[in-house]
Protein backbone atom coordinates (compact mmCIF):
# COMPACT_ATOMS: atom_id res chain seq x y z
CA MET A 1 -0.12 0.27 -0.34
CA ALA A 2 1.67 3.60 -0.93
CA VAL A 3 2.04 5.97 1.59
CA GLY A 4 2.21 9.12 1.23
CA SER A 5 5.13 11.25 2.53
CA GLY A 6 3.96 14.80 3.51
CA PRO A 7 5.63 17.99 2.69
CA LYS A 8 10.04 17.46 3.04
CA SER A 9 12.94 19.41 3.13
CA ILE A 10 15.85 17.80 0.84
CA ALA A 11 19.05 18.68 2.25
CA LYS A 12 20.28 17.31 -0.93
CA VAL A 13 20.83 15.24 -4.07
CA GLU A 14 23.13 13.03 -5.11
CA THR A 15 23.22 11.93 -9.05
CA THR A 16 24.88 9.23 -10.77
CA ASP A 17 24.53 7.95 -14.31
CA ILE A 18 22.25 5.10 -13.00
CA PHE A 19 20.36 6.89 -10.72
CA PHE A 20 19.69 9.85 -8.02
CA THR A 21 18.99 9.73 -4.48
CA VAL A 22 16.65 12.46 -2.63
CA TYR A 23 18.14 12.60 0.89
CA PHE A 24 15.87 14.71 3.17
CA SER A 25 17.08 17.15 6.16
CA ASP A 26 13.69 17.07 8.49
CA GLY A 27 13.58 12.96 9.38
CA ASP A 28 11.63 10.13 7.93
CA ILE A 29 10.11 9.97 4.83
CA ALA A 30 7.42 8.22 6.18
CA ASN A 31 6.83 4.84 8.86
CA THR A 32 7.69 2.20 5.79
CA GLY A 33 9.49 -0.53 7.71
CA CYS A 34 12.39 0.00 5.47
CA ASN A 35 15.56 -0.31 7.36
CA GLN A 36 16.20 3.69 6.52
CA ALA A 37 13.74 6.02 5.26
CA ASN A 38 15.64 9.54 5.23
CA MET A 39 16.11 9.28 1.60
CA VAL A 40 14.86 7.96 -1.15
CA VAL A 41 16.60 6.55 -4.63
CA TYR A 42 15.08 6.64 -8.02
CA TRP A 43 16.77 3.97 -10.25
CA ARG A 44 16.19 5.21 -13.80
CA SER A 45 15.30 1.77 -14.76
CA ASP A 46 12.31 2.10 -12.85
CA PHE A 47 11.57 5.35 -14.76
CA PRO A 48 13.06 4.84 -18.42
CA ASN A 49 10.06 7.17 -19.47
CA SER A 50 9.59 10.13 -16.57
CA TYR A 51 13.92 9.26 -15.07
CA SER A 52 14.41 12.47 -16.22
CA THR A 53 11.79 14.76 -15.63
CA MET A 54 11.56 13.69 -11.86
CA LEU A 55 15.57 14.87 -11.65
CA ALA A 56 14.20 17.88 -13.17
CA THR A 57 11.90 18.22 -9.62
CA ALA A 58 14.20 16.97 -7.67
CA LEU A 59 16.52 19.86 -8.18
CA THR A 60 14.20 22.55 -9.01
CA ALA A 61 12.66 21.77 -5.09
CA PHE A 62 16.11 22.11 -4.14
CA ALA A 63 17.56 24.56 -6.32
CA THR A 64 14.34 27.20 -4.62
CA GLY A 65 14.13 26.29 -1.54
CA LYS A 66 10.79 24.59 -2.22
CA LYS A 67 9.63 21.04 -0.28
CA VAL A 68 9.02 17.82 -2.16
CA GLU A 69 5.96 14.94 -1.01
CA MET A 70 6.27 11.93 -2.86
CA TRP A 71 4.29 8.38 -2.52
CA VAL A 72 6.26 5.83 -1.92
CA GLU A 73 5.57 1.67 -1.25
CA GLY A 74 7.44 -0.74 -0.23
CA CYS A 75 11.75 -0.99 0.44
CA LYS A 76 14.09 -2.31 -1.87
CA ALA A 77 18.17 -2.46 -1.60
CA SER A 78 19.83 0.56 -1.70
CA PRO A 79 23.42 1.10 -3.87
CA TRP A 80 24.88 1.17 -0.22
CA GLY A 81 22.98 -2.68 1.54
CA PRO A 82 20.11 -0.89 4.04
CA THR A 83 16.21 -0.79 2.25
CA LEU A 84 15.06 2.60 1.18
CA PRO A 85 10.90 3.16 0.90
CA ILE A 86 10.72 2.67 -3.03
CA PRO A 87 9.69 6.11 -4.31
CA GLN A 88 6.30 6.14 -7.35
CA SER A 89 6.78 9.88 -7.65
CA ILE A 90 7.72 13.60 -6.69
CA VAL A 91 5.75 16.69 -6.81
CA VAL A 92 6.95 20.41 -5.16
CA THR A 93 4.92 22.07 -2.69
CA ASN A 94 5.27 25.53 -0.86
CA GLY A 95 3.28 23.52 1.72
């Protein structure tokens, strides 16, 4: 079942050639049951048609100091080992 994050502040956005990571400065995204929930990874392979748009949305929010909201569903292993929430969307908000 998907869980909404509510408004979250982005501390940083890390990009690589196969994924980007959004780190939150105000704690966990939601009570997801994952090992770690203060960040999410967007894998290019999970979003072949919208990866660039999602990255642009995250970078816009970070650069303008806006918050983001997103839906997450389930957990997936991170590039570093612990499981993280699986993002389904990303929205810039004034919230």
